[in-house]
């Protein structure tokens, strides 16, 4: 599903670029950077966990893990190291949050939770019933609360820091 979603967003962006419209490039770059970093890291971790789960046999080349890991292990560094890719992705979200706080600029649908961040952070005591946890709308709201909480916390830490902008971006909060 994620692959199909990203492919469709990428095709939409290319159609716009062919018409000299570039407004979707930042969003697509954000999505691809974040997903690349997350998925390639998860793949490496997952393969290593499978290898370790087989005990000593996992070290044998005929177990197959050596070939799989060798193929996948380079992916976190293709197109940029994952830490850099995650930082690029985060900068986009910070930019959206900052612009929204400054002038209430409309946000892409995926980030509409930012417009209600203060309201979301007031939600308490939900998720105690199985029915709630099976409700996709509840899960979407729970993820928005989590994302909003982290975004606001880190944004405020950076904004209130007395360090130079360079130090904040490259050393302290990277």
N, C-alpha and C. Protein backbone atom coordinates (compact mmCIF):
# COMPACT_ATOMS: atom_id res chain seq x y z
N UNK A 1 0.82 -1.19 0.00
CA UNK A 1 0.00 0.00 0.00
C UNK A 1 0.87 1.26 0.00
N UNK A 2 1.91 1.23 0.80
CA UNK A 2 2.79 2.39 0.87
C UNK A 2 3.48 2.61 -0.48
N UNK A 3 3.94 1.53 -1.08
CA UNK A 3 4.58 1.63 -2.40
C UNK A 3 3.65 2.21 -3.45
N UNK A 4 2.41 1.74 -3.45
CA UNK A 4 1.43 2.27 -4.40
C UNK A 4 1.16 3.75 -4.14
N UNK A 5 1.01 4.11 -2.88
CA UNK A 5 0.77 5.51 -2.52
C UNK A 5 1.92 6.39 -2.99
N UNK A 6 3.16 5.96 -2.69
CA UNK A 6 4.33 6.75 -3.08
C UNK A 6 4.47 6.84 -4.60
N UNK A 7 4.22 5.73 -5.29
CA UNK A 7 4.29 5.74 -6.75
C UNK A 7 3.29 6.74 -7.33
N UNK A 8 2.07 6.75 -6.80
CA UNK A 8 1.04 7.67 -7.29
C UNK A 8 1.43 9.12 -7.03
N UNK A 9 1.97 9.41 -5.83
CA UNK A 9 2.40 10.78 -5.53
C UNK A 9 3.55 11.19 -6.44
N UNK A 10 4.47 10.25 -6.71
CA UNK A 10 5.61 10.54 -7.58
C UNK A 10 5.13 10.82 -9.01
N UNK A 11 4.21 10.03 -9.50
CA UNK A 11 3.66 10.26 -10.86
C UNK A 11 2.93 11.59 -10.94
N UNK A 12 2.16 11.92 -9.91
CA UNK A 12 1.48 13.23 -9.88
C UNK A 12 2.50 14.36 -9.94
N UNK A 13 3.58 14.21 -9.16
CA UNK A 13 4.61 15.23 -9.14
C UNK A 13 5.25 15.37 -10.52
N UNK A 14 5.57 14.23 -11.17
CA UNK A 14 6.19 14.29 -12.50
C UNK A 14 5.26 14.95 -13.52
N UNK A 15 3.97 14.65 -13.44
CA UNK A 15 3.01 15.30 -14.34
C UNK A 15 3.05 16.81 -14.14
N UNK A 16 3.10 17.25 -12.89
CA UNK A 16 3.16 18.68 -12.59
C UNK A 16 4.48 19.28 -13.07
N UNK A 17 5.58 18.58 -12.86
CA UNK A 17 6.89 19.10 -13.29
C UNK A 17 6.90 19.30 -14.80
N UNK A 18 6.29 18.39 -15.53
CA UNK A 18 6.21 18.54 -16.99
C UNK A 18 5.41 19.78 -17.39
N UNK A 19 4.58 20.26 -16.48
CA UNK A 19 3.80 21.49 -16.73
C UNK A 19 4.43 22.70 -16.02
N UNK A 20 5.70 22.51 -15.58
CA UNK A 20 6.47 23.55 -14.91
C UNK A 20 5.85 23.96 -13.56
N UNK A 21 5.20 23.02 -12.89
CA UNK A 21 4.68 23.24 -11.54
C UNK A 21 5.53 22.38 -10.60
N UNK A 22 6.07 23.01 -9.57
CA UNK A 22 7.04 22.32 -8.72
C UNK A 22 6.60 22.23 -7.25
N UNK A 23 5.36 22.56 -6.97
CA UNK A 23 4.92 22.64 -5.58
C UNK A 23 4.80 21.29 -4.87
N UNK A 24 4.75 20.19 -5.59
CA UNK A 24 4.65 18.87 -4.95
C UNK A 24 6.01 18.22 -4.68
N UNK A 25 7.07 18.85 -5.15
CA UNK A 25 8.40 18.25 -5.00
C UNK A 25 8.82 18.11 -3.54
N UNK A 26 8.55 19.13 -2.73
CA UNK A 26 8.96 19.06 -1.32
C UNK A 26 8.26 17.91 -0.60
N UNK A 27 6.98 17.74 -0.84
CA UNK A 27 6.22 16.67 -0.19
C UNK A 27 6.75 15.30 -0.62
N UNK A 28 6.95 15.13 -1.91
CA UNK A 28 7.44 13.83 -2.40
C UNK A 28 8.84 13.55 -1.88
N UNK A 29 9.68 14.56 -1.84
CA UNK A 29 11.03 14.38 -1.30
C UNK A 29 10.95 13.97 0.17
N UNK A 30 10.08 14.63 0.92
CA UNK A 30 9.89 14.29 2.34
C UNK A 30 9.47 12.82 2.49
N UNK A 31 8.46 12.42 1.73
CA UNK A 31 7.94 11.05 1.83
C UNK A 31 9.00 10.02 1.44
N UNK A 32 9.68 10.26 0.33
CA UNK A 32 10.67 9.30 -0.14
C UNK A 32 11.88 9.24 0.80
N UNK A 33 12.33 10.38 1.30
CA UNK A 33 13.46 10.39 2.23
C UNK A 33 13.13 9.62 3.50
N UNK A 34 11.98 9.92 4.09
CA UNK A 34 11.59 9.26 5.33
C UNK A 34 11.36 7.77 5.15
N UNK A 35 10.66 7.40 4.08
CA UNK A 35 10.37 5.98 3.85
C UNK A 35 11.65 5.21 3.52
N UNK A 36 12.51 5.80 2.73
CA UNK A 36 13.77 5.12 2.39
C UNK A 36 14.56 4.83 3.66
N UNK A 37 14.67 5.81 4.52
CA UNK A 37 15.44 5.64 5.75
C UNK A 37 14.80 4.58 6.65
N UNK A 38 13.51 4.68 6.84
CA UNK A 38 12.81 3.76 7.74
C UNK A 38 12.83 2.33 7.19
N UNK A 39 12.47 2.15 5.94
CA UNK A 39 12.31 0.81 5.40
C UNK A 39 13.64 0.08 5.20
N UNK A 40 14.68 0.80 4.77
CA UNK A 40 15.96 0.11 4.58
C UNK A 40 16.57 -0.28 5.92
N UNK A 41 16.39 0.57 6.92
CA UNK A 41 16.89 0.23 8.26
C UNK A 41 16.13 -0.96 8.83
N UNK A 42 14.81 -0.95 8.68
CA UNK A 42 13.98 -2.07 9.16
C UNK A 42 14.35 -3.37 8.46
N UNK A 43 14.64 -3.31 7.17
CA UNK A 43 15.00 -4.52 6.42
C UNK A 43 16.30 -5.11 6.96
N UNK A 44 17.30 -4.26 7.17
CA UNK A 44 18.58 -4.75 7.72
C UNK A 44 18.39 -5.34 9.11
N UNK A 45 17.65 -4.63 9.95
CA UNK A 45 17.42 -5.12 11.31
C UNK A 45 16.64 -6.43 11.30
N UNK A 46 15.65 -6.52 10.44
CA UNK A 46 14.83 -7.74 10.36
C UNK A 46 15.61 -8.95 9.90
N UNK A 47 16.45 -8.76 8.89
CA UNK A 47 17.27 -9.87 8.40
C UNK A 47 18.25 -10.32 9.47
N UNK A 48 18.85 -9.37 10.17
CA UNK A 48 19.79 -9.73 11.23
C UNK A 48 19.07 -10.46 12.36
N UNK A 49 17.87 -10.03 12.69
CA UNK A 49 17.10 -10.71 13.75
C UNK A 49 16.77 -12.14 13.33
N UNK A 50 16.39 -12.32 12.07
CA UNK A 50 16.12 -13.68 11.57
C UNK A 50 17.37 -14.55 11.65
N UNK A 51 18.50 -13.98 11.25
CA UNK A 51 19.77 -14.72 11.30
C UNK A 51 20.09 -15.13 12.72
N UNK A 52 19.97 -14.20 13.67
CA UNK A 52 20.27 -14.52 15.06
C UNK A 52 19.28 -15.52 15.65
N UNK A 53 18.07 -15.52 15.16
CA UNK A 53 17.04 -16.44 15.67
C UNK A 53 17.34 -17.89 15.31
N UNK A 54 18.17 -18.10 14.31
CA UNK A 54 18.50 -19.46 13.91
C UNK A 54 19.71 -20.01 14.66
N UNK A 55 20.24 -19.22 15.59
CA UNK A 55 21.39 -19.69 16.36
C UNK A 55 22.64 -19.74 15.50
N UNK A 56 23.49 -20.69 15.82
CA UNK A 56 24.76 -20.83 15.11
C UNK A 56 24.60 -21.12 13.63
N UNK A 57 23.48 -21.75 13.26
CA UNK A 57 23.26 -22.06 11.84
C UNK A 57 23.12 -20.79 11.01
N UNK A 58 22.71 -19.70 11.63
CA UNK A 58 22.55 -18.43 10.91
C UNK A 58 23.85 -17.89 10.37
N UNK A 59 24.97 -18.31 10.93
CA UNK A 59 26.27 -17.84 10.47
C UNK A 59 26.76 -18.62 9.25
N UNK A 60 26.19 -19.77 9.01
CA UNK A 60 26.62 -20.58 7.88
C UNK A 60 26.13 -19.95 6.58
N UNK A 61 26.98 -19.93 5.57
CA UNK A 61 26.59 -19.30 4.31
C UNK A 61 25.46 -20.06 3.63
N UNK A 62 25.35 -21.38 3.84
CA UNK A 62 24.26 -22.11 3.18
C UNK A 62 22.91 -21.85 3.83
N UNK A 63 22.87 -21.12 4.97
CA UNK A 63 21.59 -20.71 5.57
C UNK A 63 20.95 -19.60 4.73
N UNK A 64 21.73 -18.92 3.91
CA UNK A 64 21.20 -17.91 3.01
C UNK A 64 21.22 -16.49 3.55
N UNK A 65 21.43 -16.33 4.84
CA UNK A 65 21.38 -14.98 5.40
C UNK A 65 22.54 -14.11 4.95
N UNK A 66 23.69 -14.73 4.71
CA UNK A 66 24.85 -13.97 4.27
C UNK A 66 24.56 -13.26 2.96
N UNK A 67 24.01 -13.98 2.00
CA UNK A 67 23.69 -13.38 0.69
C UNK A 67 22.61 -12.31 0.80
N UNK A 68 21.58 -12.61 1.57
CA UNK A 68 20.48 -11.65 1.73
C UNK A 68 20.99 -10.38 2.40
N UNK A 69 21.73 -10.54 3.49
CA UNK A 69 22.22 -9.38 4.22
C UNK A 69 23.19 -8.57 3.36
N UNK A 70 24.04 -9.26 2.63
CA UNK A 70 25.00 -8.57 1.76
C UNK A 70 24.27 -7.73 0.72
N UNK A 71 23.16 -8.25 0.19
CA UNK A 71 22.38 -7.52 -0.81
C UNK A 71 21.70 -6.30 -0.20
N UNK A 72 21.14 -6.46 0.99
CA UNK A 72 20.31 -5.42 1.60
C UNK A 72 21.12 -4.40 2.40
N UNK A 73 22.25 -4.78 2.93
CA UNK A 73 22.98 -3.92 3.88
C UNK A 73 23.48 -2.61 3.27
N UNK A 74 23.66 -2.57 1.98
CA UNK A 74 24.12 -1.32 1.35
C UNK A 74 22.99 -0.31 1.18
N UNK A 75 21.75 -0.77 1.22
CA UNK A 75 20.62 0.12 0.95
C UNK A 75 20.52 1.33 1.87
N UNK A 76 20.83 1.22 3.17
CA UNK A 76 20.75 2.42 4.00
C UNK A 76 21.69 3.54 3.59
N UNK A 77 22.71 3.25 2.79
CA UNK A 77 23.62 4.31 2.37
C UNK A 77 23.42 4.75 0.92
N UNK A 78 22.65 4.02 0.13
CA UNK A 78 22.34 4.46 -1.23
C UNK A 78 21.52 5.74 -1.16
N UNK A 79 21.77 6.67 -2.04
CA UNK A 79 21.01 7.91 -2.15
C UNK A 79 21.12 8.77 -0.90
N UNK A 80 22.09 8.52 -0.07
CA UNK A 80 22.26 9.29 1.15
C UNK A 80 22.13 8.42 2.37
N UNK A 81 22.93 8.69 3.36
CA UNK A 81 22.91 7.92 4.59
C UNK A 81 21.59 8.19 5.31
N UNK A 82 21.08 7.20 6.02
CA UNK A 82 19.74 7.29 6.60
C UNK A 82 19.58 8.44 7.59
N UNK A 83 20.58 8.76 8.37
CA UNK A 83 20.45 9.88 9.30
C UNK A 83 20.21 11.17 8.52
N UNK A 84 20.93 11.36 7.44
CA UNK A 84 20.75 12.55 6.60
C UNK A 84 19.36 12.54 5.97
N UNK A 85 18.91 11.39 5.52
CA UNK A 85 17.58 11.30 4.90
C UNK A 85 16.49 11.63 5.92
N UNK A 86 16.64 11.15 7.14
CA UNK A 86 15.66 11.46 8.19
C UNK A 86 15.69 12.95 8.53
N UNK A 87 16.87 13.54 8.58
CA UNK A 87 16.96 14.98 8.86
C UNK A 87 16.28 15.79 7.76
N UNK A 88 16.44 15.38 6.51
CA UNK A 88 15.78 16.08 5.41
C UNK A 88 14.26 15.98 5.55
N UNK A 89 13.81 14.82 5.95
CA UNK A 89 12.38 14.59 6.13
C UNK A 89 11.84 15.44 7.27
N UNK A 90 12.56 15.49 8.37
CA UNK A 90 12.14 16.27 9.53
C UNK A 90 12.12 17.77 9.23
N UNK A 91 13.10 18.24 8.47
CA UNK A 91 13.14 19.67 8.13
C UNK A 91 11.86 20.11 7.41
N UNK A 92 11.33 19.23 6.57
CA UNK A 92 10.09 19.56 5.86
C UNK A 92 8.93 19.72 6.85
N UNK A 93 8.83 18.82 7.81
CA UNK A 93 7.75 18.90 8.79
C UNK A 93 7.91 20.16 9.65
N UNK A 94 9.13 20.47 10.05
CA UNK A 94 9.37 21.69 10.82
C UNK A 94 8.98 22.92 10.01
N UNK A 95 9.31 22.90 8.73
CA UNK A 95 8.97 24.03 7.86
C UNK A 95 7.45 24.21 7.81
N UNK A 96 6.72 23.12 7.66
CA UNK A 96 5.26 23.21 7.65
C UNK A 96 4.73 23.76 8.97
N UNK A 97 5.24 23.25 10.07
CA UNK A 97 4.79 23.68 11.39
C UNK A 97 5.09 25.16 11.61
N UNK A 98 6.30 25.57 11.25
CA UNK A 98 6.70 26.97 11.42
C UNK A 98 5.82 27.89 10.57
N UNK A 99 5.58 27.53 9.32
CA UNK A 99 4.74 28.34 8.44
C UNK A 99 3.31 28.39 8.94
N UNK A 100 2.82 27.28 9.45
CA UNK A 100 1.45 27.28 9.97
C UNK A 100 1.34 28.17 11.19
N UNK A 101 2.32 28.08 12.10
CA UNK A 101 2.30 28.93 13.30
C UNK A 101 2.39 30.41 12.93
N UNK A 102 3.16 30.71 11.89
CA UNK A 102 3.39 32.09 11.49
C UNK A 102 2.17 32.70 10.79
N UNK A 103 1.62 31.99 9.81
CA UNK A 103 0.55 32.61 9.02
C UNK A 103 -0.63 31.69 8.72
N UNK A 104 -0.74 30.56 9.40
CA UNK A 104 -1.89 29.68 9.20
C UNK A 104 -1.98 29.11 7.80
N UNK A 105 -0.86 29.02 7.13
CA UNK A 105 -0.80 28.51 5.75
C UNK A 105 -1.45 27.13 5.65
N UNK A 106 -2.25 26.87 4.62
CA UNK A 106 -2.84 25.53 4.46
C UNK A 106 -1.75 24.47 4.32
N UNK A 107 -2.04 23.30 4.86
CA UNK A 107 -1.06 22.21 4.86
C UNK A 107 -1.53 21.07 3.97
N UNK A 108 -0.56 20.29 3.46
CA UNK A 108 -0.95 19.08 2.72
C UNK A 108 -1.79 18.17 3.63
N UNK A 109 -2.68 17.42 3.04
CA UNK A 109 -3.61 16.58 3.81
C UNK A 109 -2.92 15.68 4.83
N UNK A 110 -1.79 15.12 4.45
CA UNK A 110 -1.06 14.24 5.37
C UNK A 110 -0.65 14.93 6.67
N UNK A 111 -0.61 16.25 6.65
CA UNK A 111 -0.15 17.01 7.81
C UNK A 111 -1.25 17.87 8.40
N UNK A 112 -2.48 17.55 8.10
CA UNK A 112 -3.60 18.34 8.62
C UNK A 112 -3.68 18.29 10.14
N UNK A 113 -3.11 17.27 10.75
CA UNK A 113 -3.11 17.18 12.21
C UNK A 113 -2.42 18.39 12.85
N UNK A 114 -1.49 19.00 12.13
CA UNK A 114 -0.76 20.14 12.68
C UNK A 114 -1.71 21.30 12.95
N UNK A 115 -2.75 21.44 12.14
CA UNK A 115 -3.69 22.54 12.35
C UNK A 115 -4.46 22.39 13.66
N UNK A 116 -4.55 21.18 14.18
CA UNK A 116 -5.28 20.92 15.43
C UNK A 116 -4.35 20.43 16.54
N UNK A 117 -3.10 20.76 16.48
CA UNK A 117 -2.11 20.18 17.38
C UNK A 117 -2.45 20.43 18.85
N UNK A 118 -2.86 21.65 19.19
CA UNK A 118 -3.15 21.95 20.59
C UNK A 118 -4.38 21.18 21.07
N UNK A 119 -5.37 21.07 20.23
CA UNK A 119 -6.58 20.30 20.57
C UNK A 119 -6.23 18.81 20.73
N UNK A 120 -5.43 18.30 19.84
CA UNK A 120 -5.03 16.89 19.91
C UNK A 120 -4.29 16.59 21.21
N UNK A 121 -3.45 17.51 21.63
CA UNK A 121 -2.64 17.27 22.82
C UNK A 121 -3.45 17.34 24.12
N UNK A 122 -4.71 17.74 24.01
CA UNK A 122 -5.59 17.74 25.18
C UNK A 122 -6.29 16.40 25.39
N UNK A 123 -6.20 15.50 24.40
CA UNK A 123 -6.89 14.21 24.47
C UNK A 123 -6.19 13.34 25.50
N UNK A 124 -6.96 12.83 26.44
CA UNK A 124 -6.41 11.99 27.51
C UNK A 124 -7.35 10.82 27.78
N UNK A 125 -6.80 9.72 28.25
CA UNK A 125 -7.59 8.61 28.76
C UNK A 125 -8.38 7.82 27.74
N UNK A 126 -7.97 7.81 26.52
CA UNK A 126 -8.67 7.03 25.51
C UNK A 126 -7.85 5.79 25.19
N UNK A 127 -8.47 4.84 24.54
CA UNK A 127 -7.77 3.62 24.14
C UNK A 127 -7.77 2.55 25.19
N UNK A 128 -8.75 2.59 26.07
CA UNK A 128 -8.81 1.58 27.13
C UNK A 128 -9.71 0.40 26.77
N UNK A 129 -10.41 0.50 25.65
CA UNK A 129 -11.31 -0.57 25.23
C UNK A 129 -10.82 -1.17 23.91
N UNK A 130 -10.99 -2.46 23.76
CA UNK A 130 -10.55 -3.14 22.55
C UNK A 130 -11.24 -2.55 21.32
N UNK A 131 -12.51 -2.20 21.44
CA UNK A 131 -13.25 -1.64 20.30
C UNK A 131 -12.58 -0.37 19.78
N UNK A 132 -12.07 0.46 20.70
CA UNK A 132 -11.39 1.68 20.28
C UNK A 132 -10.11 1.34 19.51
N UNK A 133 -9.38 0.38 20.01
CA UNK A 133 -8.11 0.02 19.38
C UNK A 133 -8.29 -0.64 18.02
N UNK A 134 -9.48 -1.13 17.73
CA UNK A 134 -9.77 -1.73 16.43
C UNK A 134 -10.36 -0.73 15.44
N UNK A 135 -10.62 0.48 15.90
CA UNK A 135 -11.22 1.52 15.07
C UNK A 135 -10.12 2.30 14.35
N UNK A 136 -10.14 2.29 13.01
CA UNK A 136 -9.08 2.97 12.25
C UNK A 136 -9.07 4.47 12.51
N UNK A 137 -10.22 5.08 12.74
CA UNK A 137 -10.25 6.51 13.04
C UNK A 137 -9.58 6.80 14.37
N UNK A 138 -9.78 5.92 15.34
CA UNK A 138 -9.11 6.08 16.64
C UNK A 138 -7.60 5.95 16.46
N UNK A 139 -7.16 4.95 15.69
CA UNK A 139 -5.72 4.76 15.47
C UNK A 139 -5.10 5.96 14.75
N UNK A 140 -5.83 6.49 13.78
CA UNK A 140 -5.34 7.68 13.06
C UNK A 140 -5.19 8.85 14.03
N UNK A 141 -6.18 9.02 14.89
CA UNK A 141 -6.11 10.10 15.88
C UNK A 141 -4.96 9.87 16.87
N UNK A 142 -4.77 8.63 17.29
CA UNK A 142 -3.68 8.31 18.22
C UNK A 142 -2.32 8.62 17.58
N UNK A 143 -2.15 8.28 16.31
CA UNK A 143 -0.90 8.59 15.63
C UNK A 143 -0.71 10.09 15.48
N UNK A 144 -1.80 10.82 15.24
CA UNK A 144 -1.72 12.28 15.14
C UNK A 144 -1.32 12.90 16.48
N UNK A 145 -1.85 12.37 17.58
CA UNK A 145 -1.48 12.85 18.91
C UNK A 145 0.01 12.62 19.14
N UNK A 146 0.48 11.43 18.82
CA UNK A 146 1.90 11.09 19.02
C UNK A 146 2.80 11.98 18.15
N UNK A 147 2.46 12.12 16.88
CA UNK A 147 3.27 12.94 15.98
C UNK A 147 3.23 14.40 16.43
N UNK A 148 2.06 14.88 16.79
CA UNK A 148 1.93 16.26 17.23
C UNK A 148 2.72 16.53 18.50
N UNK A 149 2.68 15.60 19.42
CA UNK A 149 3.40 15.74 20.68
C UNK A 149 4.90 15.82 20.44
N UNK A 150 5.42 14.91 19.64
CA UNK A 150 6.86 14.92 19.34
C UNK A 150 7.26 16.17 18.57
N UNK A 151 6.46 16.55 17.60
CA UNK A 151 6.77 17.73 16.79
C UNK A 151 6.83 18.98 17.65
N UNK A 152 5.81 19.18 18.46
CA UNK A 152 5.77 20.39 19.29
C UNK A 152 6.92 20.40 20.31
N UNK A 153 7.18 19.26 20.93
CA UNK A 153 8.25 19.19 21.93
C UNK A 153 9.61 19.53 21.33
N UNK A 154 9.95 18.89 20.22
CA UNK A 154 11.28 19.11 19.62
C UNK A 154 11.37 20.51 19.02
N UNK A 155 10.30 20.96 18.39
CA UNK A 155 10.29 22.31 17.80
C UNK A 155 10.55 23.36 18.88
N UNK A 156 9.89 23.21 20.03
CA UNK A 156 10.07 24.17 21.11
C UNK A 156 11.46 24.08 21.73
N UNK A 157 12.01 22.88 21.84
CA UNK A 157 13.38 22.73 22.34
C UNK A 157 14.36 23.48 21.44
N UNK A 158 14.19 23.32 20.15
CA UNK A 158 15.08 23.99 19.20
C UNK A 158 14.87 25.49 19.23
N UNK A 159 13.60 25.92 19.25
CA UNK A 159 13.30 27.35 19.24
C UNK A 159 13.82 28.05 20.50
N UNK A 160 13.78 27.37 21.64
CA UNK A 160 14.18 27.98 22.91
C UNK A 160 15.67 27.82 23.22
N UNK A 161 16.38 27.06 22.42
CA UNK A 161 17.81 26.85 22.64
C UNK A 161 18.59 28.13 22.33
N UNK A 162 19.58 28.40 23.13
CA UNK A 162 20.44 29.59 22.93
C UNK A 162 21.61 29.30 22.00
N UNK A 163 21.75 28.06 21.57
CA UNK A 163 22.85 27.68 20.69
C UNK A 163 22.66 28.29 19.30
N UNK A 164 23.73 28.28 18.51
CA UNK A 164 23.63 28.78 17.14
C UNK A 164 22.75 27.84 16.32
N UNK A 165 22.16 28.36 15.27
CA UNK A 165 21.30 27.54 14.41
C UNK A 165 22.07 26.35 13.84
N UNK A 166 23.31 26.58 13.47
CA UNK A 166 24.15 25.51 12.93
C UNK A 166 24.36 24.41 13.97
N UNK A 167 24.67 24.79 15.20
CA UNK A 167 24.87 23.80 16.26
C UNK A 167 23.58 23.05 16.56
N UNK A 168 22.46 23.76 16.55
CA UNK A 168 21.17 23.11 16.82
C UNK A 168 20.85 22.07 15.75
N UNK A 169 21.08 22.43 14.49
CA UNK A 169 20.71 21.53 13.40
C UNK A 169 21.68 20.37 13.23
N UNK A 170 22.97 20.63 13.42
CA UNK A 170 23.97 19.61 13.09
C UNK A 170 24.53 18.82 14.27
N UNK A 171 24.37 19.34 15.48
CA UNK A 171 24.98 18.67 16.61
C UNK A 171 23.99 18.28 17.69
N UNK A 172 23.23 19.23 18.18
CA UNK A 172 22.42 18.99 19.38
C UNK A 172 21.16 18.18 19.09
N UNK A 173 20.39 18.59 18.10
CA UNK A 173 19.09 17.96 17.86
C UNK A 173 19.05 17.07 16.64
N UNK A 174 20.18 16.83 16.02
CA UNK A 174 20.20 15.96 14.84
C UNK A 174 19.81 14.55 15.22
